[in-house]
Structure formats: C-alpha cells, structure tokens
Amino acid sequence: MQPQFAESANRNRDITINIRAQQAQRDLIDRAAEALGKNRSDFMLETACREAETVLLDRRLFMLEEEKFHQFMELLDAPPSGNENLRKVLTTKAPWE
C-alpha cells in the first residue's frame, strides 16, 4: 500500500518542518536513510507520513444502538471458536527456531 502523501523526487515542497534531535538520533536516521538509498529529508518525511497514516487509520468509532452494542461486546468477549488450522499454525515451531 503506497502512502497517500508519498513525495516523488521531482515534486516541489513549499513548507519547512524543523525539529531538534540528539546527535545519536540524527546518526541513526542517517544510517537508516542511507540503507534505503534516501536522503535524510526524504526518509524522515516518508516515515513520518506513514506513521501518521497508521495512527489515524487505527482510530475506530463504533456507533451502535444499545442492544446492538451489547451483542457486539458479547461477540468480542466470547472465547474463539475452534479452528484447527489456526491451532496448527500457532503450535508449529518456526523453521528458524
């Protein structure tokens, strides 16, 4: 999934964002950006936008009538039904272990 606000290299940017960081933080960001073949600004902007989208997408609002809300909560609180395939996946040792 491509972030909605991903910047292309030839797109003009007209807003400046300034932040202060510790030397170790900047060095870490620079190493990560270099590992991806990006400059610091591109790396930081893409990473910040991706995280911002994740935060906003994780927010959910459920509006239900009281009776439907109680039914919904009962379903969430009920133990999961048996699922043999899921049980097999969760109990199989990973190949790297």
PDB file of N, CA and C in Angstrom:
ATOM      1  N   MET A   1       0.831  -1.172   0.000  1.00  0.00           N
ATOM      2  CA  MET A   1       0.000   0.000   0.000  1.00  0.00           C
ATOM      3  C   MET A   1       0.879   1.240   0.000  1.00  0.00           C
ATOM      4  N   GLN A   2       0.728   2.076  -0.999  1.00  0.00           N
ATOM      5  CA  GLN A   2       1.511   3.290  -1.127  1.00  0.00           C
ATOM      6  C   GLN A   2       0.903   4.380  -0.254  1.00  0.00           C
ATOM      7  N   PRO A   3       1.698   5.032   0.594  1.00  0.00           N
ATOM      8  CA  PRO A   3       1.146   6.102   1.420  1.00  0.00           C
ATOM      9  C   PRO A   3       0.530   7.198   0.557  1.00  0.00           C
ATOM     10  N   GLN A   4      -0.556   7.752   1.027  1.00  0.00           N
ATOM     11  CA  GLN A   4      -1.280   8.785   0.298  1.00  0.00           C
ATOM     12  C   GLN A   4      -0.402  10.003   0.055  1.00  0.00           C
ATOM     13  N   PHE A   5       0.483  10.310   0.979  1.00  0.00           N
ATOM     14  CA  PHE A   5       1.262  11.534   0.894  1.00  0.00           C
ATOM     15  C   PHE A   5       2.716  11.277   0.519  1.00  0.00           C
ATOM     16  N   ALA A   6       2.997  10.132  -0.118  1.00  0.00           N
ATOM     17  CA  ALA A   6       4.369   9.858  -0.529  1.00  0.00           C
ATOM     18  C   ALA A   6       4.817  10.939  -1.508  1.00  0.00           C
ATOM     19  N   GLU A   7       6.023  11.436  -1.300  1.00  0.00           N
ATOM     20  CA  GLU A   7       6.559  12.503  -2.141  1.00  0.00           C
ATOM     21  C   GLU A   7       7.421  11.910  -3.240  1.00  0.00           C
ATOM     22  N   SER A   8       7.237  12.368  -4.462  1.00  0.00           N
ATOM     23  CA  SER A   8       8.136  11.971  -5.530  1.00  0.00           C
ATOM     24  C   SER A   8       9.337  12.910  -5.522  1.00  0.00           C
ATOM     25  N   ALA A   9      10.437  12.471  -6.097  1.00  0.00           N
ATOM     26  CA  ALA A   9      11.678  13.242  -6.053  1.00  0.00           C
ATOM     27  C   ALA A   9      11.547  14.579  -6.781  1.00  0.00           C
ATOM     28  N   ASN A  10      10.692  14.664  -7.801  1.00  0.00           N
ATOM     29  CA  ASN A  10      10.597  15.898  -8.579  1.00  0.00           C
ATOM     30  C   ASN A  10       9.443  16.798  -8.139  1.00  0.00           C
ATOM     31  N   ARG A  11       8.804  16.486  -7.055  1.00  0.00           N
ATOM     32  CA  ARG A  11       7.674  17.280  -6.577  1.00  0.00           C
ATOM     33  C   ARG A  11       8.181  18.419  -5.697  1.00  0.00           C
ATOM     34  N   ASN A  12       7.701  19.623  -5.935  1.00  0.00           N
ATOM     35  CA  ASN A  12       8.134  20.779  -5.144  1.00  0.00           C
ATOM     36  C   ASN A  12       7.545  20.718  -3.745  1.00  0.00           C
ATOM     37  N   ARG A  13       8.368  21.079  -2.803  1.00  0.00           N
ATOM     38  CA  ARG A  13       7.933  21.168  -1.413  1.00  0.00           C
ATOM     39  C   ARG A  13       7.962  22.628  -1.031  1.00  0.00           C
ATOM     40  N   ASP A  14       6.887  23.102  -0.428  1.00  0.00           N
ATOM     41  CA  ASP A  14       6.810  24.524  -0.131  1.00  0.00           C
ATOM     42  C   ASP A  14       6.702  24.847   1.355  1.00  0.00           C
ATOM     43  N   ILE A  15       6.807  23.852   2.207  1.00  0.00           N
ATOM     44  CA  ILE A  15       6.709  24.043   3.651  1.00  0.00           C
ATOM     45  C   ILE A  15       7.969  23.473   4.298  1.00  0.00           C
ATOM     46  N   THR A  16       8.491  24.178   5.288  1.00  0.00           N
ATOM     47  CA  THR A  16       9.661  23.710   6.036  1.00  0.00           C
ATOM     48  C   THR A  16       9.206  23.199   7.391  1.00  0.00           C
ATOM     49  N   ILE A  17       9.751  22.068   7.801  1.00  0.00           N
ATOM     50  CA  ILE A  17       9.495  21.498   9.125  1.00  0.00           C
ATOM     51  C   ILE A  17      10.847  21.391   9.824  1.00  0.00           C
ATOM     52  N   ASN A  18      10.982  22.024  10.963  1.00  0.00           N
ATOM     53  CA  ASN A  18      12.233  21.987  11.717  1.00  0.00           C
ATOM     54  C   ASN A  18      12.026  21.197  13.003  1.00  0.00           C
ATOM     55  N   ILE A  19      12.981  20.327  13.315  1.00  0.00           N
ATOM     56  CA  ILE A  19      12.942  19.605  14.595  1.00  0.00           C
ATOM     57  C   ILE A  19      14.357  19.559  15.171  1.00  0.00           C
ATOM     58  N   ARG A  20      14.415  19.464  16.464  1.00  0.00           N
ATOM     59  CA  ARG A  20      15.706  19.304  17.143  1.00  0.00           C
ATOM     60  C   ARG A  20      15.857  17.830  17.511  1.00  0.00           C
ATOM     61  N   ALA A  21      17.075  17.355  17.429  1.00  0.00           N
ATOM     62  CA  ALA A  21      17.352  15.951  17.735  1.00  0.00           C
ATOM     63  C   ALA A  21      18.709  15.845  18.414  1.00  0.00           C
ATOM     64  N   GLN A  22      18.917  14.720  19.064  1.00  0.00           N
ATOM     65  CA  GLN A  22      20.230  14.428  19.631  1.00  0.00           C
ATOM     66  C   GLN A  22      21.112  13.884  18.504  1.00  0.00           C
ATOM     67  N   GLN A  23      22.408  14.027  18.667  1.00  0.00           N
ATOM     68  CA  GLN A  23      23.364  13.553  17.664  1.00  0.00           C
ATOM     69  C   GLN A  23      23.137  12.076  17.337  1.00  0.00           C
ATOM     70  N   ALA A  24      22.925  11.269  18.372  1.00  0.00           N
ATOM     71  CA  ALA A  24      22.733   9.832  18.154  1.00  0.00           C
ATOM     72  C   ALA A  24      21.467   9.558  17.339  1.00  0.00           C
ATOM     73  N   GLN A  25      20.428  10.350  17.567  1.00  0.00           N
ATOM     74  CA  GLN A  25      19.194  10.176  16.801  1.00  0.00           C
ATOM     75  C   GLN A  25      19.415  10.519  15.335  1.00  0.00           C
ATOM     76  N   ARG A  26      20.101  11.639  15.084  1.00  0.00           N
ATOM     77  CA  ARG A  26      20.374  12.017  13.702  1.00  0.00           C
ATOM     78  C   ARG A  26      21.234  10.970  13.012  1.00  0.00           C
ATOM     79  N   ASP A  27      22.227  10.456  13.715  1.00  0.00           N
ATOM     80  CA  ASP A  27      23.097   9.437  13.123  1.00  0.00           C
ATOM     81  C   ASP A  27      22.312   8.177  12.786  1.00  0.00           C
ATOM     82  N   LEU A  28      21.417   7.787  13.662  1.00  0.00           N
ATOM     83  CA  LEU A  28      20.580   6.613  13.410  1.00  0.00           C
ATOM     84  C   LEU A  28      19.702   6.831  12.177  1.00  0.00           C
ATOM     85  N   ILE A  29      19.071   7.989  12.104  1.00  0.00           N
ATOM     86  CA  ILE A  29      18.220   8.315  10.949  1.00  0.00           C
ATOM     87  C   ILE A  29      19.051   8.321   9.674  1.00  0.00           C
ATOM     88  N   ASP A  30      20.231   8.895   9.725  1.00  0.00           N
ATOM     89  CA  ASP A  30      21.092   8.935   8.545  1.00  0.00           C
ATOM     90  C   ASP A  30      21.493   7.534   8.089  1.00  0.00           C
ATOM     91  N   ARG A  31      21.805   6.653   9.040  1.00  0.00           N
ATOM     92  CA  ARG A  31      22.178   5.277   8.673  1.00  0.00           C
ATOM     93  C   ARG A  31      21.006   4.552   8.024  1.00  0.00           C
ATOM     94  N   ALA A  32      19.812   4.740   8.576  1.00  0.00           N
ATOM     95  CA  ALA A  32      18.631   4.089   8.004  1.00  0.00           C
ATOM     96  C   ALA A  32      18.311   4.647   6.621  1.00  0.00           C
ATOM     97  N   ALA A  33      18.405   5.957   6.469  1.00  0.00           N
ATOM     98  CA  ALA A  33      18.149   6.577   5.166  1.00  0.00           C
ATOM     99  C   ALA A  33      19.143   6.068   4.133  1.00  0.00           C
ATOM    100  N   GLU A  34      20.407   6.005   4.513  1.00  0.00           N
ATOM    101  CA  GLU A  34      21.441   5.509   3.606  1.00  0.00           C
ATOM    102  C   GLU A  34      21.181   4.059   3.211  1.00  0.00           C
ATOM    103  N   ALA A  35      20.731   3.258   4.162  1.00  0.00           N
ATOM    104  CA  ALA A  35      20.446   1.845   3.875  1.00  0.00           C
ATOM    105  C   ALA A  35      19.349   1.701   2.820  1.00  0.00           C
ATOM    106  N   LEU A  36      18.451   2.689   2.761  1.00  0.00           N
ATOM    107  CA  LEU A  36      17.365   2.659   1.780  1.00  0.00           C
ATOM    108  C   LEU A  36      17.668   3.497   0.537  1.00  0.00           C
ATOM    109  N   GLY A  37      18.864   4.080   0.500  1.00  0.00           N
ATOM    110  CA  GLY A  37      19.235   4.890  -0.655  1.00  0.00           C
ATOM    111  C   GLY A  37      18.485   6.206  -0.713  1.00  0.00           C
ATOM    112  N   LYS A  38      18.148   6.746   0.445  1.00  0.00           N
ATOM    113  CA  LYS A  38      17.395   8.000   0.513  1.00  0.00           C
ATOM    114  C   LYS A  38      18.202   9.048   1.255  1.00  0.00           C
ATOM    115  N   ASN A  39      17.844  10.311   1.046  1.00  0.00           N
ATOM    116  CA  ASN A  39      18.456  11.343   1.860  1.00  0.00           C
ATOM    117  C   ASN A  39      17.649  11.469   3.153  1.00  0.00           C
ATOM    118  N   ARG A  40      18.213  12.194   4.111  1.00  0.00           N
ATOM    119  CA  ARG A  40      17.580  12.315   5.425  1.00  0.00           C
ATOM    120  C   ARG A  40      16.169  12.889   5.331  1.00  0.00           C
ATOM    121  N   SER A  41      15.991  13.959   4.566  1.00  0.00           N
ATOM    122  CA  SER A  41      14.678  14.600   4.472  1.00  0.00           C
ATOM    123  C   SER A  41      13.628  13.658   3.884  1.00  0.00           C
ATOM    124  N   ASP A  42      13.967  12.999   2.783  1.00  0.00           N
ATOM    125  CA  ASP A  42      13.008  12.075   2.167  1.00  0.00           C
ATOM    126  C   ASP A  42      12.646  10.940   3.128  1.00  0.00           C
ATOM    127  N   PHE A  43      13.675  10.391   3.776  1.00  0.00           N
ATOM    128  CA  PHE A  43      13.442   9.299   4.718  1.00  0.00           C
ATOM    129  C   PHE A  43      12.531   9.746   5.860  1.00  0.00           C
ATOM    130  N   MET A  44      12.830  10.898   6.462  1.00  0.00           N
ATOM    131  CA  MET A  44      12.056  11.366   7.602  1.00  0.00           C
ATOM    132  C   MET A  44      10.623  11.699   7.200  1.00  0.00           C
ATOM    133  N   LEU A  45      10.451  12.356   6.068  1.00  0.00           N
ATOM    134  CA  LEU A  45       9.116  12.743   5.644  1.00  0.00           C
ATOM    135  C   LEU A  45       8.269  11.516   5.314  1.00  0.00           C
ATOM    136  N   GLU A  46       8.822  10.574   4.562  1.00  0.00           N
ATOM    137  CA  GLU A  46       8.076   9.369   4.218  1.00  0.00           C
ATOM    138  C   GLU A  46       7.729   8.552   5.456  1.00  0.00           C
ATOM    139  N   THR A  47       8.686   8.423   6.373  1.00  0.00           N
ATOM    140  CA  THR A  47       8.461   7.656   7.596  1.00  0.00           C
ATOM    141  C   THR A  47       7.419   8.331   8.482  1.00  0.00           C
ATOM    142  N   ALA A  48       7.520   9.633   8.636  1.00  0.00           N
ATOM    143  CA  ALA A  48       6.554  10.371   9.471  1.00  0.00           C
ATOM    144  C   ALA A  48       5.147  10.293   8.868  1.00  0.00           C
ATOM    145  N   CYS A  49       5.033  10.438   7.556  1.00  0.00           N
ATOM    146  CA  CYS A  49       3.707  10.365   6.916  1.00  0.00           C
ATOM    147  C   CYS A  49       3.120   8.964   7.043  1.00  0.00           C
ATOM    148  N   ARG A  50       3.954   7.940   6.865  1.00  0.00           N
ATOM    149  CA  ARG A  50       3.468   6.561   7.004  1.00  0.00           C
ATOM    150  C   ARG A  50       2.965   6.310   8.423  1.00  0.00           C
ATOM    151  N   GLU A  51       3.703   6.777   9.416  1.00  0.00           N
ATOM    152  CA  GLU A  51       3.292   6.590  10.809  1.00  0.00           C
ATOM    153  C   GLU A  51       2.032   7.401  11.118  1.00  0.00           C
ATOM    154  N   ALA A  52       1.943   8.612  10.579  1.00  0.00           N
ATOM    155  CA  ALA A  52       0.753   9.438  10.797  1.00  0.00           C
ATOM    156  C   ALA A  52      -0.488   8.759  10.214  1.00  0.00           C
ATOM    157  N   GLU A  53      -0.363   8.191   9.026  1.00  0.00           N
ATOM    158  CA  GLU A  53      -1.494   7.480   8.433  1.00  0.00           C
ATOM    159  C   GLU A  53      -1.889   6.274   9.283  1.00  0.00           C
ATOM    160  N   THR A  54      -0.895   5.551   9.796  1.00  0.00           N
ATOM    161  CA  THR A  54      -1.178   4.397  10.640  1.00  0.00           C
ATOM    162  C   THR A  54      -1.933   4.810  11.897  1.00  0.00           C
ATOM    163  N   VAL A  55      -1.488   5.879  12.535  1.00  0.00           N
ATOM    164  CA  VAL A  55      -2.163   6.369  13.744  1.00  0.00           C
ATOM    165  C   VAL A  55      -3.610   6.714  13.434  1.00  0.00           C
ATOM    166  N   LEU A  56      -3.831   7.428  12.352  1.00  0.00           N
ATOM    167  CA  LEU A  56      -5.190   7.854  12.016  1.00  0.00           C
ATOM    168  C   LEU A  56      -6.068   6.685  11.584  1.00  0.00           C
ATOM    169  N   LEU A  57      -5.499   5.715  10.875  1.00  0.00           N
ATOM    170  CA  LEU A  57      -6.280   4.556  10.446  1.00  0.00           C
ATOM    171  C   LEU A  57      -6.615   3.629  11.610  1.00  0.00           C
ATOM    172  N   ASP A  58      -5.802   3.657  12.676  1.00  0.00           N
ATOM    173  CA  ASP A  58      -6.059   2.799  13.830  1.00  0.00           C
ATOM    174  C   ASP A  58      -7.191   3.306  14.710  1.00  0.00           C
ATOM    175  N   ARG A  59      -7.614   4.516  14.493  1.00  0.00           N
ATOM    176  CA  ARG A  59      -8.716   5.066  15.292  1.00  0.00           C
ATOM    177  C   ARG A  59     -10.030   4.585  14.716  1.00  0.00           C
ATOM    178  N   ARG A  60     -10.844   4.031  15.571  1.00  0.00           N
ATOM    179  CA  ARG A  60     -12.132   3.499  15.137  1.00  0.00           C
ATOM    180  C   ARG A  60     -13.223   4.057  16.029  1.00  0.00           C
ATOM    181  N   LEU A  61     -14.373   4.298  15.425  1.00  0.00           N
ATOM    182  CA  LEU A  61     -15.524   4.770  16.170  1.00  0.00           C
ATOM    183  C   LEU A  61     -16.695   3.865  15.826  1.00  0.00           C
ATOM    184  N   PHE A  62     -17.243   3.214  16.810  1.00  0.00           N
ATOM    185  CA  PHE A  62     -18.400   2.352  16.624  1.00  0.00           C
ATOM    186  C   PHE A  62     -19.603   3.042  17.253  1.00  0.00           C
ATOM    187  N   MET A  63     -20.600   3.287  16.441  1.00  0.00           N
ATOM    188  CA  MET A  63     -21.826   3.889  16.954  1.00  0.00           C
ATOM    189  C   MET A  63     -22.946   2.880  16.735  1.00  0.00           C
ATOM    190  N   LEU A  64     -23.432   2.317  17.841  1.00  0.00           N
ATOM    191  CA  LEU A  64     -24.472   1.301  17.779  1.00  0.00           C
ATOM    192  C   LEU A  64     -25.575   1.628  18.777  1.00  0.00           C
ATOM    193  N   GLU A  65     -26.757   1.148  18.458  1.00  0.00           N
ATOM    194  CA  GLU A  65     -27.832   1.228  19.444  1.00  0.00           C
ATOM    195  C   GLU A  65     -27.443   0.341  20.612  1.00  0.00           C
ATOM    196  N   GLU A  66     -28.011   0.604  21.773  1.00  0.00           N
ATOM    197  CA  GLU A  66     -27.586  -0.092  22.987  1.00  0.00           C
ATOM    198  C   GLU A  66     -27.657  -1.610  22.846  1.00  0.00           C
ATOM    199  N   GLU A  67     -28.743  -2.115  22.301  1.00  0.00           N
ATOM    200  CA  GLU A  67     -28.895  -3.575  22.160  1.00  0.00           C
ATOM    201  C   GLU A  67     -27.829  -4.153  21.227  1.00  0.00           C
ATOM    202  N   LYS A  68     -27.573  -3.483  20.113  1.00  0.00           N
ATOM    203  CA  LYS A  68     -26.546  -3.950  19.169  1.00  0.00           C
ATOM    204  C   LYS A  68     -25.160  -3.857  19.795  1.00  0.00           C
ATOM    205  N   PHE A  69     -24.929  -2.821  20.608  1.00  0.00           N
ATOM    206  CA  PHE A  69     -23.655  -2.674  21.282  1.00  0.00           C
ATOM    207  C   PHE A  69     -23.414  -3.850  22.222  1.00  0.00           C
ATOM    208  N   HIS A  70     -24.434  -4.239  22.990  1.00  0.00           N
ATOM    209  CA  HIS A  70     -24.288  -5.378  23.907  1.00  0.00           C
ATOM    210  C   HIS A  70     -24.030  -6.669  23.140  1.00  0.00           C
ATOM    211  N   GLN A  71     -24.697  -6.857  22.011  1.00  0.00           N
ATOM    212  CA  GLN A  71     -24.443  -8.039  21.182  1.00  0.00           C
ATOM    213  C   GLN A  71     -23.001  -8.029  20.661  1.00  0.00           C
ATOM    214  N   PHE A  72     -22.560  -6.876  20.228  1.00  0.00           N
ATOM    215  CA  PHE A  72     -21.192  -6.724  19.729  1.00  0.00           C
ATOM    216  C   PHE A  72     -20.176  -7.059  20.817  1.00  0.00           C
ATOM    217  N   MET A  73     -20.395  -6.534  22.021  1.00  0.00           N
ATOM    218  CA  MET A  73     -19.484  -6.797  23.133  1.00  0.00           C
ATOM    219  C   MET A  73     -19.483  -8.270  23.525  1.00  0.00           C
ATOM    220  N   GLU A  74     -20.640  -8.910  23.471  1.00  0.00           N
ATOM    221  CA  GLU A  74     -20.705 -10.344  23.770  1.00  0.00           C
ATOM    222  C   GLU A  74     -19.876 -11.143  22.772  1.00  0.00           C
ATOM    223  N   LEU A  75     -19.952 -10.767  21.507  1.00  0.00           N
ATOM    224  CA  LEU A  75     -19.151 -11.459  20.495  1.00  0.00           C
ATOM    225  C   LEU A  75     -17.657 -11.249  20.733  1.00  0.00           C
ATOM    226  N   LEU A  76     -17.274 -10.039  21.107  1.00  0.00           N
ATOM    227  CA  LEU A  76     -15.867  -9.774  21.381  1.00  0.00           C
ATOM    228  C   LEU A  76     -15.378 -10.525  22.619  1.00  0.00           C
ATOM    229  N   ASP A  77     -16.233 -10.642  23.619  1.00  0.00           N
ATOM    230  CA  ASP A  77     -15.848 -11.296  24.872  1.00  0.00           C
ATOM    231  C   ASP A  77     -15.919 -12.817  24.813  1.00  0.00           C
ATOM    232  N   ALA A  78     -16.637 -13.351  23.829  1.00  0.00           N
ATOM    233  CA  ALA A  78     -16.799 -14.806  23.728  1.00  0.00           C
ATOM    234  C   ALA A  78     -15.464 -15.447  23.363  1.00  0.00           C
ATOM    235  N   PRO A  79     -15.227 -16.655  23.880  1.00  0.00           N
ATOM    236  CA  PRO A  79     -13.991 -17.346  23.500  1.00  0.00           C
ATOM    237  C   PRO A  79     -14.020 -17.668  22.013  1.00  0.00           C
ATOM    238  N   PRO A  80     -12.867 -17.721  21.382  1.00  0.00           N
ATOM    239  CA  PRO A  80     -12.840 -18.019  19.950  1.00  0.00           C
ATOM    240  C   PRO A  80     -13.345 -19.429  19.683  1.00  0.00           C
ATOM    241  N   SER A  81     -13.956 -19.586  18.549  1.00  0.00           N
ATOM    242  CA  SER A  81     -14.419 -20.924  18.171  1.00  0.00           C
ATOM    243  C   SER A  81     -13.217 -21.753  17.734  1.00  0.00           C
ATOM    244  N   GLY A  82     -13.371 -23.060  17.760  1.00  0.00           N
ATOM    245  CA  GLY A  82     -12.278 -23.949  17.381  1.00  0.00           C
ATOM    246  C   GLY A  82     -11.879 -23.744  15.930  1.00  0.00           C
ATOM    247  N   ASN A  83     -10.589 -23.686  15.697  1.00  0.00           N
ATOM    248  CA  ASN A  83     -10.071 -23.517  14.348  1.00  0.00           C
ATOM    249  C   ASN A  83      -8.799 -24.344  14.263  1.00  0.00           C
ATOM    250  N   GLU A  84      -8.908 -25.542  13.702  1.00  0.00           N
ATOM    251  CA  GLU A  84      -7.791 -26.475  13.687  1.00  0.00           C
ATOM    252  C   GLU A  84      -6.599 -25.940  12.906  1.00  0.00           C
ATOM    253  N   ASN A  85      -6.846 -25.269  11.794  1.00  0.00           N
ATOM    254  CA  ASN A  85      -5.731 -24.716  11.016  1.00  0.00           C
ATOM    255  C   ASN A  85      -4.984 -23.644  11.802  1.00  0.00           C
ATOM    256  N   LEU A  86      -5.718 -22.775  12.486  1.00  0.00           N
ATOM    257  CA  LEU A  86      -5.075 -21.751  13.302  1.00  0.00           C
ATOM    258  C   LEU A  86      -4.295 -22.399  14.441  1.00  0.00           C
ATOM    259  N   ARG A  87      -4.878 -23.411  15.070  1.00  0.00           N
ATOM    260  CA  ARG A  87      -4.189 -24.105  16.165  1.00  0.00           C
ATOM    261  C   ARG A  87      -2.873 -24.721  15.659  1.00  0.00           C
ATOM    262  N   LYS A  88      -2.891 -25.285  14.460  1.00  0.00           N
ATOM    263  CA  LYS A  88      -1.690 -25.898  13.895  1.00  0.00           C
ATOM    264  C   LYS A  88      -0.614 -24.842  13.655  1.00  0.00           C
ATOM    265  N   VAL A  89      -1.001 -23.702  13.091  1.00  0.00           N
ATOM    266  CA  VAL A  89      -0.040 -22.629  12.827  1.00  0.00           C
ATOM    267  C   VAL A  89       0.566 -22.118  14.123  1.00  0.00           C
ATOM    268  N   LEU A  90      -0.264 -21.940  15.137  1.00  0.00           N
ATOM    269  CA  LEU A  90       0.223 -21.373  16.389  1.00  0.00           C
ATOM    270  C   LEU A  90       1.071 -22.341  17.207  1.00  0.00           C
ATOM    271  N   THR A  91       0.945 -23.637  16.963  1.00  0.00           N
ATOM    272  CA  THR A  91       1.715 -24.613  17.738  1.00  0.00           C
ATOM    273  C   THR A  91       2.887 -25.205  16.968  1.00  0.00           C
ATOM    274  N   THR A  92       3.021 -24.875  15.699  1.00  0.00           N
ATOM    275  CA  THR A  92       4.144 -25.380  14.889  1.00  0.00           C
ATOM    276  C   THR A  92       5.363 -24.513  15.137  1.00  0.00           C
ATOM    277  N   LYS A  93       6.493 -25.165  15.385  1.00  0.00           N
ATOM    278  CA  LYS A  93       7.722 -24.443  15.642  1.00  0.00           C
ATOM    279  C   LYS A  93       8.218 -23.792  14.340  1.00  0.00           C
ATOM    280  N   ALA A  94       8.647 -22.543  14.440  1.00  0.00           N
ATOM    281  CA  ALA A  94       9.143 -21.828  13.272  1.00  0.00           C
ATOM    282  C   ALA A  94      10.448 -22.468  12.795  1.00  0.00           C
ATOM    283  N   PRO A  95      10.699 -22.480  11.493  1.00  0.00           N
ATOM    284  CA  PRO A  95      11.913 -23.123  10.966  1.00  0.00           C
ATOM    285  C   PRO A  95      13.201 -22.531  11.503  1.00  0.00           C
ATOM    286  N   TRP A  96      13.212 -21.266  11.899  1.00  0.00           N
ATOM    287  CA  TRP A  96      14.430 -20.637  12.384  1.00  0.00           C
ATOM    288  C   TRP A  96      14.661 -20.840  13.872  1.00  0.00           C
ATOM    289  N   GLU A  97      13.709 -21.484  14.539  1.00  0.00           N
ATOM    290  CA  GLU A  97      13.877 -21.713  15.984  1.00  0.00           C
ATOM    291  C   GLU A  97      14.630 -22.988  16.249  1.00  0.00           C
TER     292      GLU A  97
END
